[in-house]
N, C-alpha and C. Protein backbone atom coordinates (compact mmCIF):
# COMPACT_ATOMS: atom_id res chain seq x y z
N MET A 1 75.43 92.90 122.16
CA MET A 1 74.53 93.63 123.02
C MET A 1 74.33 92.88 124.34
N PRO A 2 74.01 93.60 125.42
CA PRO A 2 73.84 92.94 126.72
C PRO A 2 72.74 91.88 126.67
N GLY A 3 73.07 90.68 127.13
CA GLY A 3 72.07 89.63 127.18
C GLY A 3 71.84 88.92 125.87
N THR A 4 72.53 89.32 124.80
CA THR A 4 72.34 88.70 123.49
C THR A 4 73.45 87.69 123.23
N PRO A 5 73.08 86.40 122.96
CA PRO A 5 74.11 85.40 122.69
C PRO A 5 74.92 85.78 121.46
N GLY A 6 76.18 85.39 121.44
CA GLY A 6 77.02 85.67 120.29
C GLY A 6 78.43 86.02 120.70
N GLY A 7 79.28 86.17 119.71
CA GLY A 7 80.66 86.56 119.97
C GLY A 7 81.53 85.45 120.52
N GLU A 8 81.10 84.19 120.34
CA GLU A 8 81.88 83.09 120.89
C GLU A 8 83.10 82.78 120.02
N PHE A 9 84.13 82.27 120.69
CA PHE A 9 85.41 81.95 120.07
C PHE A 9 85.99 83.19 119.38
N PRO A 10 86.21 84.27 120.12
CA PRO A 10 86.85 85.45 119.53
C PRO A 10 88.27 85.12 119.09
N PHE A 11 88.64 85.60 117.91
CA PHE A 11 89.93 85.20 117.35
C PHE A 11 90.86 86.39 117.11
N TRP A 12 90.37 87.45 116.47
CA TRP A 12 91.23 88.57 116.09
C TRP A 12 90.53 89.88 116.43
N VAL A 13 91.34 90.92 116.63
CA VAL A 13 90.75 92.22 116.96
C VAL A 13 91.56 93.33 116.30
N VAL A 14 90.85 94.33 115.78
CA VAL A 14 91.48 95.56 115.31
C VAL A 14 90.74 96.72 115.98
N VAL A 15 91.45 97.82 116.17
CA VAL A 15 90.89 98.96 116.91
C VAL A 15 91.00 100.22 116.07
N THR A 16 89.91 100.99 116.02
CA THR A 16 89.91 102.28 115.35
C THR A 16 89.81 103.40 116.38
N GLY A 17 90.16 104.62 115.92
CA GLY A 17 90.05 105.78 116.80
C GLY A 17 91.40 106.28 117.26
N GLY A 18 91.37 107.39 118.00
CA GLY A 18 92.59 107.98 118.52
C GLY A 18 93.23 108.93 117.54
N GLY A 19 94.02 109.86 118.03
CA GLY A 19 94.73 110.81 117.17
C GLY A 19 93.77 111.65 116.37
N THR A 20 94.00 111.73 115.07
CA THR A 20 93.15 112.53 114.20
C THR A 20 91.77 111.91 113.98
N PHE A 21 91.59 110.68 114.44
CA PHE A 21 90.31 110.00 114.25
C PHE A 21 89.35 110.23 115.42
N GLY A 22 89.75 111.02 116.40
CA GLY A 22 88.85 111.35 117.50
C GLY A 22 89.13 110.53 118.74
N PRO A 23 88.47 110.91 119.85
CA PRO A 23 88.75 110.28 121.14
C PRO A 23 88.05 108.94 121.37
N THR A 24 87.12 108.57 120.48
CA THR A 24 86.38 107.32 120.67
C THR A 24 87.12 106.16 120.04
N TYR A 25 87.31 105.11 120.83
CA TYR A 25 87.96 103.90 120.33
C TYR A 25 86.92 102.80 120.15
N THR A 26 87.01 102.11 119.01
CA THR A 26 86.09 101.02 118.72
C THR A 26 86.89 99.78 118.34
N ALA A 27 86.53 98.65 118.92
CA ALA A 27 87.18 97.38 118.61
C ALA A 27 86.26 96.54 117.72
N TYR A 28 86.87 95.88 116.75
CA TYR A 28 86.15 94.95 115.88
C TYR A 28 86.75 93.57 116.13
N VAL A 29 85.92 92.66 116.62
CA VAL A 29 86.38 91.34 117.06
C VAL A 29 85.77 90.27 116.17
N SER A 30 86.62 89.42 115.59
CA SER A 30 86.10 88.33 114.76
C SER A 30 85.69 87.15 115.64
N SER A 31 84.46 86.71 115.46
CA SER A 31 83.92 85.58 116.20
C SER A 31 83.78 84.40 115.24
N ILE A 32 84.69 83.44 115.37
CA ILE A 32 84.73 82.32 114.43
C ILE A 32 83.47 81.46 114.53
N ARG A 33 83.08 81.12 115.73
CA ARG A 33 81.97 80.18 115.89
C ARG A 33 80.64 80.77 115.42
N ASP A 34 80.40 82.03 115.71
CA ASP A 34 79.11 82.64 115.37
C ASP A 34 79.13 83.36 114.03
N ARG A 35 80.26 83.32 113.34
CA ARG A 35 80.37 83.94 112.02
C ARG A 35 79.86 85.38 112.04
N GLU A 36 80.50 86.16 112.88
CA GLU A 36 80.12 87.56 112.98
C GLU A 36 81.31 88.40 113.43
N ILE A 37 81.20 89.70 113.17
CA ILE A 37 82.17 90.67 113.69
C ILE A 37 81.46 91.47 114.76
N ASP A 38 82.00 91.46 115.97
CA ASP A 38 81.39 92.18 117.08
C ASP A 38 82.03 93.55 117.21
N VAL A 39 81.19 94.57 117.25
CA VAL A 39 81.64 95.95 117.35
C VAL A 39 81.53 96.39 118.81
N VAL A 40 82.66 96.79 119.40
CA VAL A 40 82.70 97.10 120.83
C VAL A 40 83.18 98.54 121.03
N ASN A 41 82.39 99.34 121.72
CA ASN A 41 82.77 100.71 122.07
C ASN A 41 83.67 100.63 123.30
N LEU A 42 84.96 100.92 123.10
CA LEU A 42 85.93 100.82 124.20
C LEU A 42 85.98 102.08 125.05
N SER A 43 85.30 103.14 124.62
CA SER A 43 85.36 104.40 125.36
C SER A 43 84.34 104.45 126.49
N LEU A 44 83.49 103.44 126.57
CA LEU A 44 82.50 103.37 127.64
C LEU A 44 83.06 102.53 128.78
N THR A 45 82.51 102.72 129.96
CA THR A 45 82.91 101.94 131.13
C THR A 45 81.67 101.26 131.74
N PRO A 46 81.58 99.94 131.62
CA PRO A 46 82.51 99.04 130.90
C PRO A 46 82.29 99.13 129.39
N PRO A 47 83.21 98.57 128.60
CA PRO A 47 83.02 98.55 127.14
C PRO A 47 81.70 97.88 126.77
N LEU A 48 81.10 98.33 125.67
CA LEU A 48 79.77 97.87 125.30
C LEU A 48 79.76 97.38 123.86
N VAL A 49 79.15 96.20 123.65
CA VAL A 49 78.93 95.70 122.28
C VAL A 49 77.79 96.50 121.67
N THR A 50 78.08 97.20 120.58
CA THR A 50 77.07 98.07 119.97
C THR A 50 76.46 97.50 118.69
N ALA A 51 77.13 96.50 118.09
CA ALA A 51 76.60 95.91 116.86
C ALA A 51 77.24 94.55 116.63
N ARG A 52 76.54 93.72 115.88
CA ARG A 52 77.06 92.43 115.45
C ARG A 52 76.86 92.35 113.94
N ILE A 53 77.94 92.15 113.21
CA ILE A 53 77.89 92.13 111.74
C ILE A 53 77.99 90.68 111.27
N ASP A 54 76.93 90.18 110.66
CA ASP A 54 76.94 88.81 110.15
C ASP A 54 77.79 88.71 108.89
N VAL A 55 78.58 87.62 108.80
CA VAL A 55 79.40 87.37 107.62
C VAL A 55 79.17 85.94 107.15
N LYS A 56 79.59 85.65 105.91
CA LYS A 56 79.31 84.34 105.32
C LYS A 56 80.14 83.22 105.93
N GLY A 57 81.44 83.46 106.07
CA GLY A 57 82.33 82.41 106.53
C GLY A 57 82.74 82.57 107.98
N GLN A 58 83.77 81.82 108.36
CA GLN A 58 84.32 81.95 109.70
C GLN A 58 85.41 83.03 109.67
N PRO A 59 85.17 84.18 110.30
CA PRO A 59 86.12 85.29 110.21
C PRO A 59 87.40 85.02 110.98
N ASN A 60 88.50 85.23 110.32
CA ASN A 60 89.81 85.04 110.95
C ASN A 60 90.48 86.39 111.16
N LYS A 61 91.63 86.60 110.56
CA LYS A 61 92.36 87.86 110.76
C LYS A 61 91.75 88.98 109.91
N MET A 62 92.00 90.21 110.35
CA MET A 62 91.40 91.37 109.70
C MET A 62 92.43 92.49 109.58
N THR A 63 92.12 93.45 108.72
CA THR A 63 92.95 94.64 108.59
C THR A 63 92.09 95.82 108.20
N LEU A 64 92.61 97.02 108.44
CA LEU A 64 91.90 98.26 108.13
C LEU A 64 92.62 99.02 107.02
N ASN A 65 91.87 99.87 106.32
CA ASN A 65 92.54 100.84 105.46
C ASN A 65 93.01 102.01 106.31
N LYS A 66 93.84 102.87 105.75
CA LYS A 66 94.42 103.96 106.53
C LYS A 66 93.37 104.94 107.04
N ALA A 67 92.32 105.14 106.25
CA ALA A 67 91.27 106.08 106.64
C ALA A 67 90.34 105.52 107.71
N GLN A 68 90.53 104.23 108.03
CA GLN A 68 89.69 103.55 109.03
C GLN A 68 88.21 103.61 108.65
N THR A 69 87.94 103.42 107.36
CA THR A 69 86.57 103.40 106.87
C THR A 69 86.16 102.05 106.32
N LEU A 70 87.16 101.18 106.07
CA LEU A 70 86.89 99.86 105.53
C LEU A 70 87.62 98.81 106.36
N LEU A 71 86.91 97.72 106.63
CA LEU A 71 87.47 96.59 107.38
C LEU A 71 87.50 95.39 106.45
N TYR A 72 88.69 94.80 106.27
CA TYR A 72 88.86 93.63 105.41
C TYR A 72 88.97 92.39 106.30
N VAL A 73 88.11 91.40 106.05
CA VAL A 73 88.02 90.22 106.91
C VAL A 73 88.30 88.96 106.10
N ALA A 74 89.35 88.22 106.45
CA ALA A 74 89.63 86.93 105.81
C ALA A 74 88.72 85.88 106.42
N GLU A 75 88.05 85.10 105.55
CA GLU A 75 87.06 84.16 106.06
C GLU A 75 87.27 82.75 105.52
N ASP A 76 87.38 81.81 106.44
CA ASP A 76 87.44 80.40 106.12
C ASP A 76 86.03 79.91 105.81
N GLN A 77 85.93 78.69 105.28
CA GLN A 77 84.66 78.06 104.89
C GLN A 77 84.06 78.70 103.64
N SER A 78 83.93 80.01 103.62
CA SER A 78 83.41 80.68 102.42
C SER A 78 84.51 81.01 101.43
N ASP A 79 85.78 80.96 101.89
CA ASP A 79 86.94 81.26 101.04
C ASP A 79 86.80 82.63 100.39
N THR A 80 86.53 83.61 101.22
CA THR A 80 86.32 84.98 100.74
C THR A 80 87.00 85.99 101.66
N VAL A 81 87.08 87.21 101.18
CA VAL A 81 87.42 88.36 102.02
C VAL A 81 86.22 89.29 101.98
N GLU A 82 85.65 89.56 103.13
CA GLU A 82 84.53 90.48 103.22
C GLU A 82 85.06 91.89 103.45
N VAL A 83 84.53 92.84 102.70
CA VAL A 83 84.89 94.24 102.89
C VAL A 83 83.71 94.92 103.57
N ILE A 84 83.93 95.40 104.79
CA ILE A 84 82.85 95.95 105.61
C ILE A 84 82.98 97.46 105.72
N ASP A 85 81.89 98.16 105.47
CA ASP A 85 81.85 99.62 105.61
C ASP A 85 81.74 99.95 107.10
N ILE A 86 82.76 100.63 107.64
CA ILE A 86 82.70 101.02 109.06
C ILE A 86 82.74 102.54 109.21
N ASN A 87 82.41 103.25 108.13
CA ASN A 87 82.36 104.71 108.18
C ASN A 87 81.08 105.14 108.89
N ALA A 88 81.22 105.75 110.06
CA ALA A 88 80.06 106.10 110.89
C ALA A 88 79.15 107.12 110.23
N THR A 89 79.64 107.84 109.22
CA THR A 89 78.81 108.85 108.54
C THR A 89 77.95 108.25 107.44
N HIS A 90 78.13 106.97 107.16
CA HIS A 90 77.37 106.31 106.10
C HIS A 90 76.10 105.66 106.67
N ALA A 91 75.06 105.65 105.87
CA ALA A 91 73.84 104.92 106.25
C ALA A 91 74.10 103.42 106.21
N THR A 92 75.14 103.00 105.47
CA THR A 92 75.47 101.57 105.34
C THR A 92 76.54 101.12 106.32
N VAL A 93 76.78 101.90 107.37
CA VAL A 93 77.81 101.55 108.33
C VAL A 93 77.53 100.18 108.93
N ASN A 94 78.61 99.41 109.14
CA ASN A 94 78.53 98.06 109.72
C ASN A 94 77.76 97.08 108.83
N THR A 95 77.88 97.26 107.53
CA THR A 95 77.32 96.31 106.58
C THR A 95 78.41 95.87 105.61
N VAL A 96 78.22 94.70 104.99
CA VAL A 96 79.20 94.17 104.05
C VAL A 96 79.11 94.94 102.74
N HIS A 97 80.21 95.58 102.37
CA HIS A 97 80.29 96.38 101.15
C HIS A 97 80.55 95.50 99.94
N GLU A 98 81.35 94.45 100.12
CA GLU A 98 81.73 93.57 99.02
C GLU A 98 82.24 92.25 99.58
N SER A 99 82.02 91.18 98.82
CA SER A 99 82.55 89.87 99.16
C SER A 99 83.46 89.42 98.03
N ILE A 100 84.74 89.21 98.34
CA ILE A 100 85.75 88.91 97.32
C ILE A 100 86.13 87.43 97.39
N PRO A 101 85.85 86.63 96.36
CA PRO A 101 86.28 85.22 96.36
C PRO A 101 87.77 85.12 96.13
N VAL A 102 88.44 84.26 96.87
CA VAL A 102 89.89 84.12 96.73
C VAL A 102 90.32 82.68 96.49
N ILE A 103 89.36 81.78 96.26
CA ILE A 103 89.70 80.39 95.99
C ILE A 103 90.20 80.26 94.56
N ALA A 104 91.03 79.26 94.30
CA ALA A 104 91.58 79.07 92.96
C ALA A 104 90.47 78.78 91.96
N PRO A 105 90.60 79.27 90.73
CA PRO A 105 89.60 79.01 89.69
C PRO A 105 89.60 77.55 89.27
N PRO A 106 88.59 77.12 88.48
CA PRO A 106 88.51 75.71 88.04
C PRO A 106 89.74 75.28 87.27
N ALA A 107 89.97 73.96 87.24
CA ALA A 107 91.10 73.40 86.51
C ALA A 107 91.03 73.81 85.04
N GLY A 108 92.18 74.13 84.48
CA GLY A 108 92.24 74.56 83.09
C GLY A 108 92.18 76.06 82.92
N SER A 109 91.79 76.77 83.99
CA SER A 109 91.72 78.22 83.93
C SER A 109 93.06 78.83 84.35
N ALA A 110 93.26 80.07 83.98
CA ALA A 110 94.48 80.77 84.39
C ALA A 110 94.51 80.89 85.90
N GLY A 111 95.64 80.53 86.51
CA GLY A 111 95.77 80.63 87.95
C GLY A 111 95.21 79.46 88.71
N ALA A 112 94.81 78.38 88.01
CA ALA A 112 94.24 77.22 88.68
C ALA A 112 95.28 76.49 89.50
N MET A 113 94.80 75.71 90.49
CA MET A 113 95.71 74.93 91.31
C MET A 113 96.34 73.81 90.48
N PRO A 114 97.55 73.36 90.84
CA PRO A 114 98.16 72.21 90.16
C PRO A 114 97.26 70.99 90.31
N PRO A 115 97.26 70.08 89.33
CA PRO A 115 96.39 68.89 89.38
C PRO A 115 96.52 68.10 90.67
N ALA A 116 97.74 68.01 91.21
CA ALA A 116 97.95 67.22 92.42
C ALA A 116 97.21 67.79 93.62
N LEU A 117 96.89 69.08 93.58
CA LEU A 117 96.21 69.73 94.71
C LEU A 117 94.75 70.02 94.42
N ALA A 118 94.27 69.64 93.23
CA ALA A 118 92.91 69.98 92.83
C ALA A 118 91.86 69.33 93.73
N GLN A 119 92.21 68.22 94.39
CA GLN A 119 91.24 67.53 95.24
C GLN A 119 90.91 68.32 96.50
N TYR A 120 91.76 69.29 96.86
CA TYR A 120 91.52 70.06 98.07
C TYR A 120 90.74 71.32 97.70
N THR A 121 89.48 71.34 98.07
CA THR A 121 88.60 72.41 97.61
C THR A 121 88.55 73.59 98.58
N GLY A 122 88.81 73.36 99.86
CA GLY A 122 88.76 74.45 100.83
C GLY A 122 90.06 75.23 100.84
N ALA A 123 89.97 76.56 100.70
CA ALA A 123 91.19 77.36 100.64
C ALA A 123 91.74 77.67 102.02
N ASN A 124 90.89 77.60 103.07
CA ASN A 124 91.30 77.98 104.42
C ASN A 124 91.89 79.38 104.42
N THR A 125 91.10 80.34 103.93
CA THR A 125 91.52 81.74 103.91
C THR A 125 91.66 82.23 105.34
N ASN A 126 92.87 82.66 105.73
CA ASN A 126 93.09 82.91 107.16
C ASN A 126 93.72 84.25 107.51
N SER A 127 94.26 84.98 106.53
CA SER A 127 94.88 86.26 106.88
C SER A 127 94.83 87.20 105.68
N VAL A 128 94.89 88.49 105.97
CA VAL A 128 94.77 89.49 104.91
C VAL A 128 95.52 90.75 105.32
N THR A 129 96.11 91.43 104.33
CA THR A 129 96.76 92.71 104.60
C THR A 129 96.73 93.56 103.34
N LEU A 130 96.85 94.87 103.51
CA LEU A 130 96.91 95.81 102.40
C LEU A 130 98.35 96.25 102.17
N SER A 131 98.70 96.52 100.92
CA SER A 131 100.00 97.08 100.63
C SER A 131 100.06 98.51 101.18
N ALA A 132 101.26 99.03 101.32
CA ALA A 132 101.43 100.36 101.92
C ALA A 132 100.68 101.44 101.16
N ASP A 133 100.61 101.31 99.82
CA ASP A 133 99.89 102.31 99.03
C ASP A 133 98.42 101.95 98.85
N GLU A 134 97.98 100.86 99.48
CA GLU A 134 96.58 100.41 99.47
C GLU A 134 96.06 100.10 98.07
N THR A 135 96.95 99.68 97.17
CA THR A 135 96.52 99.31 95.83
C THR A 135 96.40 97.81 95.67
N ARG A 136 96.94 97.04 96.65
CA ARG A 136 96.87 95.58 96.55
C ARG A 136 96.45 94.99 97.88
N LEU A 137 95.61 93.99 97.77
CA LEU A 137 95.13 93.25 98.94
C LEU A 137 95.74 91.86 98.87
N TYR A 138 96.54 91.49 99.88
CA TYR A 138 97.20 90.18 99.92
C TYR A 138 96.46 89.25 100.88
N VAL A 139 96.16 88.05 100.41
CA VAL A 139 95.36 87.10 101.19
C VAL A 139 96.07 85.76 101.23
N THR A 140 96.22 85.18 102.41
CA THR A 140 96.84 83.87 102.52
C THR A 140 95.78 82.78 102.58
N ASN A 141 96.01 81.72 101.80
CA ASN A 141 95.14 80.54 101.80
C ASN A 141 95.94 79.37 102.37
N GLY A 142 95.66 79.03 103.62
CA GLY A 142 96.46 78.02 104.32
C GLY A 142 96.41 76.65 103.69
N ASN A 143 95.23 76.20 103.27
CA ASN A 143 95.09 74.85 102.75
C ASN A 143 95.71 74.73 101.36
N GLN A 144 95.64 75.80 100.57
CA GLN A 144 96.18 75.75 99.22
C GLN A 144 97.64 76.19 99.17
N ASN A 145 98.17 76.62 100.33
CA ASN A 145 99.57 77.00 100.42
C ASN A 145 99.95 78.04 99.36
N ASN A 146 99.10 79.07 99.23
CA ASN A 146 99.40 80.12 98.27
C ASN A 146 98.97 81.48 98.80
N VAL A 147 99.35 82.50 98.07
CA VAL A 147 98.96 83.87 98.39
C VAL A 147 98.19 84.42 97.20
N CYS A 148 97.00 84.93 97.45
CA CYS A 148 96.21 85.55 96.40
C CYS A 148 96.28 87.06 96.60
N PHE A 149 96.43 87.82 95.53
CA PHE A 149 96.34 89.26 95.71
C PHE A 149 95.41 89.87 94.68
N ARG A 150 94.71 90.89 95.10
CA ARG A 150 93.74 91.57 94.25
C ARG A 150 94.10 93.05 94.21
N LEU A 151 94.07 93.59 93.02
CA LEU A 151 94.32 95.02 92.87
C LEU A 151 93.13 95.80 93.39
N VAL A 152 93.40 96.87 94.11
CA VAL A 152 92.34 97.71 94.65
C VAL A 152 92.52 99.11 94.09
N ARG A 153 91.48 99.66 93.49
CA ARG A 153 91.54 100.98 92.91
C ARG A 153 90.67 101.93 93.72
N LEU A 154 91.21 103.09 94.08
CA LEU A 154 90.43 104.09 94.80
C LEU A 154 89.64 104.93 93.81
N VAL A 155 88.33 105.05 94.07
CA VAL A 155 87.47 105.84 93.20
C VAL A 155 86.72 106.85 94.06
N TRP A 156 86.31 107.94 93.44
CA TRP A 156 85.59 108.97 94.17
C TRP A 156 84.10 108.78 93.96
N ASN A 157 83.38 108.65 95.06
CA ASN A 157 81.94 108.47 95.01
C ASN A 157 81.29 109.84 95.14
N PHE A 158 80.81 110.38 94.01
CA PHE A 158 80.29 111.74 94.02
C PHE A 158 78.97 111.85 94.77
N SER A 159 78.24 110.74 94.91
CA SER A 159 76.96 110.82 95.60
C SER A 159 77.13 111.04 97.09
N SER A 160 78.19 110.45 97.66
CA SER A 160 78.41 110.58 99.10
C SER A 160 79.64 111.43 99.41
N HIS A 161 80.36 111.86 98.33
CA HIS A 161 81.59 112.65 98.50
C HIS A 161 82.57 111.92 99.43
N ASP A 162 82.70 110.64 99.18
CA ASP A 162 83.58 109.85 100.02
C ASP A 162 84.45 108.98 99.14
N CYS A 163 85.58 108.59 99.66
CA CYS A 163 86.51 107.73 98.93
C CYS A 163 86.25 106.29 99.34
N CYS A 164 86.00 105.45 98.37
CA CYS A 164 85.75 104.04 98.69
C CYS A 164 86.63 103.19 97.79
N SER A 165 86.59 101.88 97.97
CA SER A 165 87.47 100.99 97.19
C SER A 165 86.67 100.22 96.17
N GLU A 166 87.30 99.97 95.04
CA GLU A 166 86.71 99.13 94.00
C GLU A 166 87.73 98.08 93.65
N SER A 167 87.33 96.81 93.74
CA SER A 167 88.28 95.72 93.51
C SER A 167 88.37 95.39 92.02
N LEU A 168 89.57 95.07 91.60
CA LEU A 168 89.82 94.65 90.23
C LEU A 168 90.10 93.15 90.23
N PRO A 169 90.18 92.54 89.04
CA PRO A 169 90.36 91.08 88.98
C PRO A 169 91.52 90.59 89.81
N GLU A 170 91.31 89.44 90.45
CA GLU A 170 92.31 88.89 91.34
C GLU A 170 93.42 88.19 90.57
N ARG A 171 94.52 87.94 91.25
CA ARG A 171 95.66 87.27 90.66
C ARG A 171 96.32 86.44 91.73
N ARG A 172 96.88 85.32 91.36
CA ARG A 172 97.52 84.46 92.34
C ARG A 172 99.01 84.39 92.09
N VAL A 173 99.72 84.11 93.16
CA VAL A 173 101.17 84.07 93.07
C VAL A 173 101.62 82.72 92.51
N HIS A 174 102.30 82.75 91.39
CA HIS A 174 102.87 81.55 90.79
C HIS A 174 104.34 81.82 90.49
N ASP A 175 104.97 80.91 89.76
CA ASP A 175 106.41 81.02 89.54
C ASP A 175 106.80 82.32 88.85
N GLN A 176 105.92 82.83 87.96
CA GLN A 176 106.31 84.03 87.23
C GLN A 176 106.33 85.26 88.12
N ASP A 177 105.68 85.21 89.26
CA ASP A 177 105.72 86.35 90.18
C ASP A 177 107.03 86.26 90.97
N PHE A 178 108.11 86.65 90.33
CA PHE A 178 109.45 86.34 90.81
C PHE A 178 109.75 86.96 92.16
N THR A 179 109.34 88.19 92.37
CA THR A 179 109.67 88.87 93.62
C THR A 179 109.05 88.16 94.80
N LEU A 180 107.74 87.88 94.71
CA LEU A 180 107.07 87.21 95.82
C LEU A 180 107.57 85.79 95.99
N LEU A 181 107.94 85.16 94.88
CA LEU A 181 108.50 83.82 94.98
C LEU A 181 109.80 83.84 95.76
N LEU A 182 110.63 84.87 95.49
CA LEU A 182 111.88 84.98 96.23
C LEU A 182 111.64 85.19 97.71
N VAL A 183 110.61 85.96 98.05
CA VAL A 183 110.27 86.15 99.46
C VAL A 183 109.90 84.82 100.09
N SER A 184 109.06 84.04 99.38
CA SER A 184 108.65 82.74 99.91
C SER A 184 109.85 81.82 100.07
N LEU A 185 110.73 81.80 99.05
CA LEU A 185 111.91 80.94 99.13
C LEU A 185 112.83 81.38 100.26
N SER A 186 112.90 82.70 100.47
CA SER A 186 113.74 83.22 101.55
C SER A 186 113.25 82.72 102.90
N VAL A 187 111.93 82.73 103.09
CA VAL A 187 111.36 82.24 104.35
C VAL A 187 111.64 80.76 104.52
N VAL A 188 111.43 79.99 103.44
CA VAL A 188 111.67 78.55 103.50
C VAL A 188 113.15 78.28 103.80
N TRP A 189 114.05 79.03 103.14
CA TRP A 189 115.47 78.82 103.34
C TRP A 189 115.88 79.13 104.77
N ARG A 190 115.35 80.21 105.32
CA ARG A 190 115.69 80.57 106.69
C ARG A 190 115.24 79.48 107.65
N PHE A 191 114.04 78.93 107.41
CA PHE A 191 113.55 77.85 108.27
C PHE A 191 114.43 76.62 108.14
N ALA A 192 114.78 76.28 106.87
CA ALA A 192 115.62 75.11 106.65
C ALA A 192 116.99 75.30 107.28
N ASP A 193 117.52 76.52 107.21
CA ASP A 193 118.83 76.79 107.79
C ASP A 193 118.80 76.63 109.30
N VAL A 194 117.74 77.10 109.95
CA VAL A 194 117.61 76.94 111.40
C VAL A 194 117.54 75.46 111.76
N ARG A 195 116.71 74.70 111.00
CA ARG A 195 116.59 73.27 111.29
C ARG A 195 117.92 72.54 111.09
N MET A 196 118.67 72.94 110.06
CA MET A 196 119.95 72.29 109.80
C MET A 196 120.94 72.58 110.93
N ARG A 197 120.97 73.80 111.42
CA ARG A 197 121.86 74.13 112.52
C ARG A 197 121.47 73.38 113.78
N GLN A 198 120.17 73.20 114.02
CA GLN A 198 119.73 72.41 115.17
C GLN A 198 120.15 70.95 115.02
N PHE A 199 120.05 70.44 113.78
CA PHE A 199 120.45 69.07 113.53
C PHE A 199 121.95 68.89 113.77
N GLU A 200 122.76 69.84 113.26
CA GLU A 200 124.20 69.75 113.44
C GLU A 200 124.57 69.82 114.92
N HIS A 201 123.88 70.65 115.67
CA HIS A 201 124.15 70.75 117.10
C HIS A 201 123.82 69.44 117.80
N SER A 202 122.67 68.84 117.44
CA SER A 202 122.27 67.58 118.07
C SER A 202 123.25 66.47 117.72
N ARG A 203 123.69 66.44 116.46
CA ARG A 203 124.64 65.41 116.05
C ARG A 203 125.96 65.56 116.78
N SER A 204 126.40 66.81 116.95
CA SER A 204 127.65 67.05 117.66
C SER A 204 127.56 66.57 119.11
N ARG A 205 126.45 66.85 119.75
CA ARG A 205 126.25 66.42 121.14
C ARG A 205 126.23 64.90 121.22
N PHE A 206 125.59 64.24 120.25
CA PHE A 206 125.52 62.79 120.25
C PHE A 206 126.91 62.18 120.08
N GLU A 207 127.72 62.76 119.19
CA GLU A 207 129.06 62.24 118.97
C GLU A 207 129.92 62.40 120.22
N ARG A 208 129.79 63.53 120.91
CA ARG A 208 130.57 63.71 122.15
C ARG A 208 130.12 62.75 123.23
N LEU A 209 128.78 62.51 123.28
CA LEU A 209 128.26 61.57 124.26
C LEU A 209 128.76 60.16 123.97
N SER A 210 128.77 59.78 122.70
CA SER A 210 129.22 58.44 122.30
C SER A 210 130.70 58.22 122.60
N SER A 211 131.49 59.32 122.53
CA SER A 211 132.93 59.19 122.76
C SER A 211 133.29 59.41 124.22
N GLY A 212 132.27 59.59 125.06
CA GLY A 212 132.53 59.77 126.49
C GLY A 212 132.83 61.18 126.87
N GLY A 213 132.64 62.13 125.94
CA GLY A 213 132.91 63.52 126.24
C GLY A 213 131.79 64.12 127.08
N ARG A 214 132.06 65.30 127.58
CA ARG A 214 131.07 66.00 128.43
C ARG A 214 130.17 66.85 127.56
N LEU A 215 128.87 66.74 127.82
CA LEU A 215 127.90 67.52 127.06
C LEU A 215 127.90 68.97 127.49
N GLY A 216 127.79 69.84 126.51
CA GLY A 216 127.68 71.27 126.80
C GLY A 216 126.23 71.66 126.97
N PRO A 217 125.97 72.95 127.13
CA PRO A 217 124.60 73.41 127.29
C PRO A 217 123.79 73.19 126.03
N THR A 218 122.51 72.93 126.19
CA THR A 218 121.63 72.72 125.04
C THR A 218 121.11 74.05 124.55
N LEU A 219 120.59 74.01 123.33
CA LEU A 219 120.00 75.23 122.76
C LEU A 219 118.72 75.57 123.50
């Protein structure tokens, strides 16, 4: 709001509106320092901050559902994903609908971190996305170097005649999750392959330099 402190260290933004959602565009901006989501009406001149949504952790990256009624916010420090109701027809608009913990469970539990990493308690939850069919929520934990995913089930709320989300028990990616493991290995392999080619190029240039040859163009 005008003259109200807040919104410092803006990090990520998602925009709703346009097309079948109407002519009004609204931006949701994550403010890491103030631990809030700033709601900005982009259809006004100049754009106007219309609300500030307090959250538990430091909000990082965010994503929307297809209906543009729910905002999923990955949050560091609290190691959670906040689900925010942004449906303008709801009395609960711009409030936290649910807080989903994504940190690894205690040692000895299913899905717990390996003993060597148990000393690191902060998950550094930093990004989130929905699967194409919106049945799974994928969350990256930077400090724990893993991906957590939670099943999301769509249920019909007869009191408000609206479709909302209900989260089911979370699950973490381990060796048995073969498909996702292959994706991770593919990324690692591609990175290693690039580094190896850079190394081979540097070694070739060094050998030519040592033998008095002329250096070619660098990468």
